[in-house]
Amino acid sequence: MFHPHVTDSEVDLFVSGRLKGQAFQGFLRQVRRCDTCRRKLAPFLPLLDLDEPVPPPEVDAEGWPQYDAAIDRALAGVTRHAAQWAEEKAELARLQARLRERPADEPLDALDDLAEETHGWAWIECMLAAGYELRYREPKRMLLHFLGLARAVRSLCEAEESRGRYSPAQVIDLRVRALAELANAQRLTHCYADAEKTLNEAGELLLEEGATDPLVEGRFFDVYASLLMDQRKLGEALDILHGLHRDYLAVGETHLAGRALIKKGITLRRDDRPREAVEVFRQALALIDPQQDQGLVATGQQALLDALVDTGDYHEASELHLRSGLGKAFTAEPLNRLKLRWVEAKIFAGLGKLRRAEKILSEVRDEFVARDREYLAAMVDLELAGVLLRQSKTEQAQATAAEALEIFKDLKVSREAERAVRYLRDACRQGAATVDLVKQVVAFLNRLEHQPGLRFAL
């Protein structure tokens, strides 16, 4: 797996003494371990006190005029690029302002109308942002959007005008960004083979050309880790997320490092390692900046709450639930609010408040059915059966387990999942069901969702 090399901008910051803190330490570590990065710093390596410094290149007196001319050309190029960059950013601001004047349901039409009025970068930036906004509202439209954008970016970057305006590194960054978002859209619509193919194309660009912006490569690995999680390759996903967290810290992106840890914690929980997940979620929440993404804070708190329940730390889970404000955070997200109430019921059950837990679970089950979320309704039924057994309501528990089994049969779930629920239903009929059996069945079904090769056995 490749890693991000030090960039020209990082070299400039290092030489000028403006690279500080974790970014400075990460820079030094990268230079020490990578020959490619060391070559970029050849003239400055003696300052680093490395074990085997590469001597700086020598220029004899006859070569000074050519050397000065090269420096002058570089400075002229930087000045020209700075002017173009200022123009691009001004165009982006104007385009964003015009988009804000349009109705909320017309952003993509507006972008199409304005495509020829802007330089490529500004238009691409707005198209990337507009497509990302579709991920929860209209994932299928998001996929079509990024399919078109990836083709448009390739054509735009190959145009003669773009070659004169953008550096090769900027072109690669734009293409990789578009491909990464297309792969993410394919992943979200369960087109996993297509997503893998698209990521391979982006990865080949990075391997051949490299990226100037570490955040571009970071986004690539972020999507790659998500795809591995969806493909249930949890060990590989953990390796990627560990490296992503480290690399974000190395460039001072603590918020994104926290985001990578949220995914790592979710992966650990799927891998049936809830105690490790709890610690990772705590680290993540300490890094995330609420000003940048309040929704990510809520996601992290919800994930920590789930992991605490998994470990049986109900008192701490209850305290977190009370101070988190998650109910308010999920006001506009009915499914997340239902899942939060489900966790709340588990907390009440863990604290021995069984009647309250029973009431909430019944309400949540009915809401899931009303929203055509039958699988989730069946899983709630199983939790409810455990609460009913603890209250010696054996007949109700049997009826609830039977209802869950019927849903599973209608949904045509895997043979092992149906077998586990049938075993619980039969145990209820025979008066042999216990709360521990319910927990075992629920835990098995949760693991089976992410590890489909498991076999049910007690």
Protein backbone atom coordinates (compact mmCIF):
# COMPACT_ATOMS: atom_id res chain seq x y z
CA MET A 1 0.00 0.00 0.00
CA PHE A 2 1.41 3.39 -0.95
CA HIS A 3 1.70 6.34 1.44
CA PRO A 4 1.55 10.13 0.98
CA HIS A 5 4.95 11.66 0.18
CA VAL A 6 5.92 15.07 1.51
CA THR A 7 4.61 17.84 -0.73
CA ASP A 8 6.31 20.90 -2.17
CA SER A 9 4.20 23.11 0.09
CA GLU A 10 5.34 21.14 3.15
CA VAL A 11 8.96 21.52 2.04
CA ASP A 12 8.41 25.28 1.72
CA LEU A 13 6.89 25.44 5.21
CA PHE A 14 9.76 23.38 6.63
CA VAL A 15 12.47 25.51 5.03
CA SER A 16 10.81 28.73 6.22
CA GLY A 17 10.45 27.39 9.75
CA ARG A 18 6.64 27.53 9.69
CA LEU A 19 5.98 23.79 10.02
CA LYS A 20 5.04 23.24 13.67
CA GLY A 21 3.82 20.65 16.17
CA GLN A 22 2.56 17.26 15.04
CA ALA A 23 2.85 18.27 11.38
CA PHE A 24 6.58 18.95 11.88
CA GLN A 25 7.14 15.63 13.67
CA GLY A 26 5.24 13.72 11.00
CA PHE A 27 7.27 15.48 8.31
CA LEU A 28 10.54 14.39 9.93
CA ARG A 29 9.35 10.80 10.33
CA GLN A 30 8.33 10.65 6.68
CA VAL A 31 11.66 12.04 5.48
CA ARG A 32 13.56 9.54 7.61
CA ARG A 33 11.66 6.51 6.28
CA CYS A 34 11.19 7.36 2.59
CA ASP A 35 13.93 7.74 -0.03
CA THR A 36 11.63 9.68 -2.38
CA CYS A 37 10.91 12.24 0.33
CA ARG A 38 14.60 12.45 1.24
CA ARG A 39 15.49 13.30 -2.36
CA LYS A 40 13.04 16.23 -2.28
CA LEU A 41 14.95 17.57 0.70
CA ALA A 42 18.46 16.87 -0.60
CA PRO A 43 19.73 20.47 -0.21
CA PHE A 44 18.41 20.69 3.36
CA LEU A 45 19.15 17.25 4.84
CA PRO A 46 22.18 18.39 6.88
CA LEU A 47 19.77 20.51 8.93
CA LEU A 48 17.86 17.36 9.93
CA ASP A 49 20.85 15.56 11.42
CA LEU A 50 19.91 12.27 9.74
CA ASP A 51 22.14 9.23 9.98
CA GLU A 52 23.04 9.18 6.30
CA PRO A 53 22.41 12.62 4.83
CA VAL A 54 22.46 13.00 1.08
CA PRO A 55 24.95 15.75 0.19
CA PRO A 56 23.45 18.85 -1.41
CA PRO A 57 24.08 19.32 -5.12
CA GLU A 58 27.06 21.50 -6.00
CA VAL A 59 26.91 24.22 -8.66
CA ASP A 60 30.20 25.53 -10.06
CA ALA A 61 30.77 29.18 -10.93
CA GLU A 62 30.09 28.66 -14.63
CA GLY A 63 26.66 27.26 -13.83
CA TRP A 64 25.43 30.20 -11.76
CA PRO A 65 23.81 32.13 -14.69
CA GLN A 66 21.77 29.06 -15.67
CA TYR A 67 20.91 28.48 -12.01
CA ASP A 68 19.74 32.10 -11.59
CA ALA A 69 17.70 31.86 -14.77
CA ALA A 70 15.99 28.72 -13.49
CA ILE A 71 15.16 30.46 -10.22
CA ASP A 72 13.76 33.47 -12.10
CA ARG A 73 11.57 31.22 -14.23
CA ALA A 74 10.31 29.43 -11.13
CA LEU A 75 9.46 32.72 -9.40
CA ALA A 76 7.66 33.97 -12.50
CA GLY A 77 5.69 30.74 -12.64
CA VAL A 78 4.72 31.05 -8.98
CA THR A 79 3.57 34.66 -9.52
CA ARG A 80 1.48 33.66 -12.54
CA HIS A 81 0.01 30.70 -10.69
CA ALA A 82 -0.86 32.85 -7.67
CA ALA A 83 -2.76 35.29 -9.90
CA GLN A 84 -4.64 32.45 -11.59
CA TRP A 85 -5.44 30.91 -8.22
CA ALA A 86 -6.88 34.20 -6.94
CA GLU A 87 -9.04 34.38 -10.07
CA GLU A 88 -10.24 30.78 -9.55
CA LYS A 89 -11.20 31.43 -5.93
CA ALA A 90 -13.09 34.58 -6.89
CA GLU A 91 -15.01 32.62 -9.53
CA LEU A 92 -15.83 29.93 -6.99
CA ALA A 93 -17.20 32.55 -4.57
CA ARG A 94 -19.36 34.08 -7.34
CA LEU A 95 -20.64 30.67 -8.42
CA GLN A 96 -21.50 29.67 -4.84
CA ALA A 97 -23.34 32.96 -4.32
CA ARG A 98 -25.42 32.42 -7.46
CA LEU A 99 -26.24 28.89 -6.39
CA ARG A 100 -27.50 30.11 -3.01
CA GLU A 101 -30.03 32.27 -4.85
CA ARG A 102 -31.53 29.22 -6.57
CA PRO A 103 -34.23 26.99 -4.99
CA ALA A 104 -32.83 24.13 -2.92
CA ASP A 105 -34.06 21.50 -5.39
CA GLU A 106 -32.28 23.03 -8.40
CA PRO A 107 -28.57 23.13 -7.54
CA LEU A 108 -27.42 20.70 -10.21
CA ASP A 109 -29.42 22.37 -12.98
CA ALA A 110 -27.85 25.66 -11.99
CA LEU A 111 -24.37 24.14 -12.18
CA ASP A 112 -25.05 22.83 -15.68
CA ASP A 113 -26.21 26.29 -16.77
CA LEU A 114 -23.08 27.92 -15.39
CA ALA A 115 -20.55 25.31 -16.55
CA GLU A 116 -19.25 27.35 -19.50
CA GLU A 117 -19.12 30.61 -17.55
CA THR A 118 -16.39 29.48 -15.16
CA HIS A 119 -12.95 27.97 -15.27
CA GLY A 120 -12.82 24.25 -14.63
CA TRP A 121 -11.69 24.18 -11.01
CA ALA A 122 -14.49 26.41 -9.65
CA TRP A 123 -17.17 24.43 -11.49
CA ILE A 124 -15.71 21.08 -10.35
CA GLU A 125 -15.58 22.24 -6.72
CA CYS A 126 -19.26 23.16 -6.80
CA MET A 127 -20.19 19.93 -8.55
CA LEU A 128 -18.34 17.90 -5.91
CA ALA A 129 -20.13 19.75 -3.08
CA ALA A 130 -23.55 19.48 -4.75
CA GLY A 131 -23.15 15.74 -5.31
CA TYR A 132 -22.05 15.15 -1.74
CA GLU A 133 -25.23 16.83 -0.49
CA LEU A 134 -27.28 14.12 -2.27
CA ARG A 135 -25.78 11.20 -0.33
CA TYR A 136 -28.65 10.89 2.17
CA ARG A 137 -31.51 12.45 0.20
CA GLU A 138 -31.07 10.81 -3.21
CA PRO A 139 -28.22 8.26 -3.33
CA LYS A 140 -29.20 7.00 -6.80
CA ARG A 141 -29.16 10.53 -8.18
CA MET A 142 -25.82 11.00 -6.44
CA LEU A 143 -24.44 8.04 -8.40
CA LEU A 144 -25.59 9.47 -11.75
CA HIS A 145 -24.22 12.86 -10.76
CA PHE A 146 -20.73 11.56 -10.03
CA LEU A 147 -20.69 9.29 -13.09
CA GLY A 148 -21.19 12.38 -15.20
CA LEU A 149 -18.74 14.44 -13.16
CA ALA A 150 -15.93 11.86 -13.41
CA ARG A 151 -16.25 11.87 -17.21
CA ALA A 152 -16.44 15.66 -17.31
CA VAL A 153 -13.38 16.07 -15.10
CA ARG A 154 -11.33 13.74 -17.29
CA SER A 155 -12.30 15.62 -20.45
CA LEU A 156 -11.73 18.98 -18.82
CA CYS A 157 -8.32 18.00 -17.46
CA GLU A 158 -7.23 16.70 -20.89
CA ALA A 159 -8.28 19.93 -22.64
CA GLU A 160 -5.45 22.13 -23.95
CA GLU A 161 -6.70 25.15 -21.99
CA SER A 162 -6.56 23.23 -18.73
CA ARG A 163 -3.03 21.97 -19.42
CA GLY A 164 -1.86 25.55 -19.66
CA ARG A 165 -3.78 26.67 -16.59
CA TYR A 166 -3.31 23.83 -14.10
CA SER A 167 -0.20 21.96 -13.05
CA PRO A 168 -0.03 18.18 -13.66
CA ALA A 169 -0.33 17.63 -9.91
CA GLN A 170 -3.52 19.74 -9.73
CA VAL A 171 -4.99 17.76 -12.61
CA ILE A 172 -4.25 14.47 -10.84
CA ASP A 173 -5.80 15.78 -7.61
CA LEU A 174 -9.02 16.78 -9.40
CA ARG A 175 -9.31 13.45 -11.18
CA VAL A 176 -8.64 11.43 -8.01
CA ARG A 177 -11.19 13.46 -6.05
CA ALA A 178 -13.88 12.88 -8.68
CA LEU A 179 -13.12 9.16 -8.86
CA ALA A 180 -13.12 8.80 -5.06
CA GLU A 181 -16.57 10.41 -4.81
CA LEU A 182 -17.86 8.25 -7.67
CA ALA A 183 -16.57 5.14 -5.87
CA ASN A 184 -18.28 6.30 -2.68
CA ALA A 185 -21.57 6.78 -4.54
CA GLN A 186 -21.22 3.30 -6.06
CA ARG A 187 -20.55 1.89 -2.59
CA LEU A 188 -23.59 3.61 -1.09
CA THR A 189 -25.79 2.09 -3.81
CA HIS A 190 -24.24 -1.36 -3.16
CA CYS A 191 -22.35 -1.49 -6.49
CA TYR A 192 -19.27 -2.86 -4.73
CA ALA A 193 -17.53 -4.33 -7.78
CA ASP A 194 -17.90 -1.01 -9.63
CA ALA A 195 -16.61 0.88 -6.59
CA GLU A 196 -13.55 -1.36 -6.41
CA LYS A 197 -12.84 -0.83 -10.11
CA THR A 198 -13.15 2.95 -9.74
CA LEU A 199 -10.84 2.99 -6.72
CA ASN A 200 -8.30 0.93 -8.64
CA GLU A 201 -8.30 3.60 -11.35
CA ALA A 202 -7.78 6.33 -8.75
CA GLY A 203 -5.08 4.29 -7.02
CA GLU A 204 -3.17 3.82 -10.28
CA LEU A 205 -3.16 7.60 -10.78
CA LEU A 206 -1.77 8.10 -7.29
CA LEU A 207 0.88 5.42 -7.75
CA GLU A 208 2.02 6.77 -11.10
CA GLU A 209 1.73 10.50 -10.47
CA GLY A 210 1.25 11.05 -6.73
CA ALA A 211 -0.95 13.71 -5.13
CA THR A 212 0.17 17.15 -4.00
CA ASP A 213 -2.58 17.47 -1.40
CA PRO A 214 -2.46 14.87 1.41
CA LEU A 215 -6.19 15.43 1.96
CA VAL A 216 -6.89 14.09 -1.54
CA GLU A 217 -5.04 10.88 -0.77
CA GLY A 218 -6.69 10.81 2.65
CA ARG A 219 -10.15 10.91 1.06
CA PHE A 220 -9.14 8.07 -1.25
CA PHE A 221 -8.18 5.89 1.73
CA ASP A 222 -11.32 6.96 3.61
CA VAL A 223 -13.56 5.65 0.81
CA TYR A 224 -11.36 2.56 0.42
CA ALA A 225 -11.75 1.72 4.13
CA SER A 226 -15.53 2.17 3.90
CA LEU A 227 -15.66 -0.22 0.95
CA LEU A 228 -13.61 -2.80 2.86
CA MET A 229 -16.05 -2.47 5.79
CA ASP A 230 -18.99 -3.04 3.45
CA GLN A 231 -17.22 -6.06 1.98
CA ARG A 232 -16.69 -7.37 5.54
CA LYS A 233 -12.91 -7.25 5.20
CA LEU A 234 -12.64 -5.87 8.70
CA GLY A 235 -8.96 -6.61 9.32
CA GLU A 236 -7.90 -4.81 6.15
CA ALA A 237 -10.20 -1.89 6.96
CA LEU A 238 -8.63 -1.55 10.43
CA ASP A 239 -5.14 -1.41 8.92
CA ILE A 240 -6.17 1.35 6.49
CA LEU A 241 -7.93 3.38 9.20
CA HIS A 242 -4.97 3.10 11.57
CA GLY A 243 -2.69 4.53 8.88
CA LEU A 244 -5.23 7.20 7.90
CA HIS A 245 -5.52 8.40 11.51
CA ARG A 246 -1.72 8.59 11.79
CA ASP A 247 -1.29 10.43 8.48
CA TYR A 248 -3.97 13.02 9.30
CA LEU A 249 -2.27 13.74 12.63
CA ALA A 250 1.06 14.10 10.83
CA VAL A 251 -0.31 17.00 8.75
CA GLY A 252 -2.17 18.60 11.65
CA GLU A 253 -5.69 17.53 10.57
CA THR A 254 -6.93 16.48 14.00
CA HIS A 255 -10.61 16.69 13.07
CA LEU A 256 -10.16 14.29 10.15
CA ALA A 257 -8.00 12.06 12.36
CA GLY A 258 -10.97 11.87 14.75
CA ARG A 259 -13.27 11.01 11.84
CA ALA A 260 -10.97 8.12 10.88
CA LEU A 261 -11.12 6.90 14.50
CA ILE A 262 -14.93 6.93 14.43
CA LYS A 263 -14.80 4.52 11.49
CA LYS A 264 -12.15 2.46 13.25
CA GLY A 265 -14.37 2.16 16.34
CA ILE A 266 -17.35 1.10 14.23
CA THR A 267 -15.16 -1.53 12.58
CA LEU A 268 -13.94 -2.84 15.95
CA ARG A 269 -17.53 -3.11 17.16
CA ARG A 270 -18.49 -5.05 14.03
CA ASP A 271 -15.53 -7.32 14.76
CA ASP A 272 -17.03 -8.06 18.20
CA ARG A 273 -14.43 -5.99 20.08
CA PRO A 274 -16.65 -3.49 21.93
CA ARG A 275 -14.24 -2.61 24.76
CA GLU A 276 -11.56 -1.60 22.27
CA ALA A 277 -14.22 0.33 20.36
CA VAL A 278 -15.18 2.28 23.50
CA GLU A 279 -11.61 3.55 23.94
CA VAL A 280 -11.29 4.44 20.27
CA PHE A 281 -14.59 6.38 20.29
CA ARG A 282 -13.41 8.35 23.33
CA GLN A 283 -10.19 9.27 21.55
CA ALA A 284 -12.16 10.24 18.46
CA LEU A 285 -14.56 12.56 20.30
CA ALA A 286 -11.59 14.34 21.88
CA LEU A 287 -10.23 15.15 18.40
CA ILE A 288 -13.41 16.11 16.54
CA ASP A 289 -14.18 19.82 16.15
CA PRO A 290 -17.93 20.45 16.69
CA GLN A 291 -17.64 23.70 14.74
CA GLN A 292 -16.66 21.76 11.62
CA ASP A 293 -19.22 18.96 11.84
CA GLN A 294 -21.75 18.75 14.64
CA GLY A 295 -23.33 15.76 12.93
CA LEU A 296 -20.08 13.81 13.26
CA VAL A 297 -20.08 14.53 16.99
CA ALA A 298 -23.59 13.08 17.25
CA THR A 299 -22.53 10.03 15.21
CA GLY A 300 -19.56 9.48 17.52
CA GLN A 301 -21.66 9.82 20.66
CA GLN A 302 -24.27 7.41 19.32
CA ALA A 303 -21.52 4.91 18.44
CA LEU A 304 -19.97 5.24 21.91
CA LEU A 305 -23.40 4.75 23.47
CA ASP A 306 -23.92 1.53 21.49
CA ALA A 307 -20.48 0.22 22.46
CA LEU A 308 -21.05 0.98 26.16
CA VAL A 309 -24.30 -1.00 26.04
CA ASP A 310 -22.44 -3.85 24.32
CA THR A 311 -19.98 -3.95 27.22
CA GLY A 312 -22.73 -3.77 29.86
CA ASP A 313 -21.66 -0.35 31.19
CA TYR A 314 -25.26 0.79 31.57
CA HIS A 315 -24.68 3.49 34.19
CA GLU A 316 -22.06 5.24 32.06
CA ALA A 317 -24.27 4.80 28.99
CA SER A 318 -27.17 6.40 30.86
CA GLU A 319 -25.04 9.38 31.88
CA LEU A 320 -23.78 9.85 28.34
CA HIS A 321 -27.32 9.65 26.96
CA LEU A 322 -28.53 12.34 29.37
CA ARG A 323 -25.75 14.83 28.67
CA SER A 324 -25.29 14.17 24.94
CA GLY A 325 -28.43 15.87 23.65
CA LEU A 326 -28.72 13.21 20.96
CA GLY A 327 -32.52 13.29 20.99
CA LYS A 328 -32.41 16.90 19.87
CA ALA A 329 -29.58 16.24 17.40
CA PHE A 330 -31.67 13.57 15.63
CA THR A 331 -34.91 15.57 15.51
CA ALA A 332 -34.83 15.70 11.71
CA GLU A 333 -33.60 12.09 11.36
CA PRO A 334 -36.49 9.78 12.30
CA LEU A 335 -34.62 6.49 11.78
CA ASN A 336 -31.65 7.59 13.88
CA ARG A 337 -34.05 8.84 16.54
CA LEU A 338 -35.76 5.42 16.59
CA LYS A 339 -32.40 3.67 16.93
CA LEU A 340 -31.55 5.99 19.79
CA ARG A 341 -34.79 5.05 21.58
CA TRP A 342 -33.91 1.41 21.00
CA VAL A 343 -30.58 1.92 22.77
CA GLU A 344 -32.40 3.83 25.51
CA ALA A 345 -34.62 0.78 26.06
CA LYS A 346 -31.54 -1.45 26.33
CA ILE A 347 -30.14 0.88 28.97
CA PHE A 348 -33.38 0.75 30.98
CA ALA A 349 -33.38 -3.04 30.70
CA GLY A 350 -29.77 -3.18 31.86
CA LEU A 351 -30.62 -0.99 34.85
CA GLY A 352 -33.55 -3.24 35.75
CA LYS A 353 -36.30 -0.79 34.67
CA LEU A 354 -38.13 -3.49 32.76
CA ARG A 355 -41.60 -2.00 32.34
CA ARG A 356 -40.14 1.16 30.84
CA ALA A 357 -37.89 -0.89 28.56
CA GLU A 358 -40.86 -3.01 27.43
CA LYS A 359 -42.95 0.05 26.60
CA ILE A 360 -40.21 1.70 24.54
CA LEU A 361 -39.31 -1.49 22.66
CA SER A 362 -42.97 -2.06 21.73
CA GLU A 363 -43.28 1.48 20.41
CA VAL A 364 -40.01 1.27 18.48
CA ARG A 365 -41.00 -2.07 16.95
CA ASP A 366 -44.31 -0.62 15.73
CA GLU A 367 -42.54 2.43 14.27
CA PHE A 368 -40.08 0.27 12.35
CA VAL A 369 -42.96 -1.75 10.90
CA ALA A 370 -44.74 1.45 9.88
CA ARG A 371 -41.58 2.59 8.08
CA ASP A 372 -41.12 -0.75 6.27
CA ARG A 373 -38.05 -1.68 8.30
CA GLU A 374 -39.18 -5.24 9.01
CA TYR A 375 -35.71 -6.64 9.74
CA LEU A 376 -35.09 -4.02 12.42
CA ALA A 377 -38.58 -4.67 13.80
CA ALA A 378 -37.74 -8.37 14.12
CA MET A 379 -34.49 -7.59 15.93
CA VAL A 380 -36.39 -5.37 18.36
CA ASP A 381 -38.85 -8.23 18.88
CA LEU A 382 -36.00 -10.44 20.03
CA GLU A 383 -34.81 -7.80 22.52
CA LEU A 384 -38.41 -7.47 23.70
CA ALA A 385 -38.68 -11.22 24.20
CA GLY A 386 -35.74 -11.05 26.60
CA VAL A 387 -37.36 -8.25 28.61
CA LEU A 388 -40.64 -10.18 28.76
CA LEU A 389 -38.86 -13.33 30.01
CA ARG A 390 -37.26 -11.32 32.79
CA GLN A 391 -40.77 -10.36 33.91
CA SER A 392 -41.96 -14.00 33.70
CA LYS A 393 -44.28 -13.12 30.82
CA THR A 394 -43.52 -16.39 29.05
CA GLU A 395 -46.56 -16.54 26.75
CA GLN A 396 -45.93 -13.00 25.48
CA ALA A 397 -42.27 -13.81 25.00
CA GLN A 398 -43.19 -16.90 22.95
CA ALA A 399 -45.59 -14.87 20.76
CA THR A 400 -42.94 -12.17 20.23
CA ALA A 401 -40.26 -14.69 19.25
CA ALA A 402 -42.72 -16.36 16.85
CA GLU A 403 -43.50 -12.98 15.29
CA ALA A 404 -39.79 -12.35 14.77
CA LEU A 405 -39.39 -15.75 13.10
CA GLU A 406 -42.26 -15.07 10.69
CA ILE A 407 -40.66 -11.77 9.65
CA PHE A 408 -37.33 -13.51 9.08
CA LYS A 409 -39.02 -16.16 6.95
CA ASP A 410 -40.83 -13.53 4.88
CA LEU A 411 -37.57 -11.64 4.34
CA LYS A 412 -35.80 -14.85 3.30
CA VAL A 413 -32.82 -14.19 5.53
CA SER A 414 -29.88 -16.57 5.59
CA ARG A 415 -30.44 -20.15 6.70
CA GLU A 416 -28.29 -19.68 9.82
CA ALA A 417 -30.18 -16.56 10.89
CA GLU A 418 -33.54 -18.32 10.56
CA ARG A 419 -32.14 -21.35 12.35
CA ALA A 420 -31.05 -19.24 15.34
CA VAL A 421 -34.43 -17.52 15.68
CA ARG A 422 -36.31 -20.79 15.22
CA TYR A 423 -34.24 -22.31 18.03
CA LEU A 424 -35.25 -19.43 20.32
CA ARG A 425 -38.92 -19.72 19.32
CA ASP A 426 -38.90 -23.47 20.06
CA ALA A 427 -37.18 -22.91 23.41
CA CYS A 428 -39.92 -20.41 24.32
CA ARG A 429 -42.61 -22.95 23.38
CA GLN A 430 -40.97 -25.57 25.59
CA GLY A 431 -40.53 -23.19 28.52
CA ALA A 432 -36.74 -23.55 28.26
CA ALA A 433 -35.88 -20.07 26.99
CA THR A 434 -33.69 -17.87 29.15
CA VAL A 435 -32.52 -14.28 29.00
CA ASP A 436 -28.98 -15.53 28.28
CA LEU A 437 -30.27 -17.50 25.29
CA VAL A 438 -31.92 -14.37 23.90
CA LYS A 439 -28.64 -12.46 24.29
CA GLN A 440 -26.73 -15.24 22.53
CA VAL A 441 -29.15 -15.26 19.59
CA VAL A 442 -29.13 -11.47 19.25
CA ALA A 443 -25.32 -11.35 19.47
CA PHE A 444 -25.05 -14.08 16.83
CA LEU A 445 -27.36 -12.23 14.44
CA ASN A 446 -25.39 -9.00 14.89
CA ARG A 447 -22.13 -10.81 14.12
CA LEU A 448 -23.70 -12.66 11.19
CA GLU A 449 -24.63 -9.37 9.55
CA HIS A 450 -20.92 -8.54 9.12
CA GLN A 451 -19.50 -12.10 9.02
CA PRO A 452 -21.89 -14.05 6.79
CA GLY A 453 -19.96 -17.33 7.01
CA LEU A 454 -20.77 -17.92 10.70
CA ARG A 455 -22.67 -21.01 11.84
CA PHE A 456 -25.16 -20.94 14.72
CA ALA A 457 -24.09 -23.16 17.62
CA LEU A 458 -24.59 -23.03 21.40
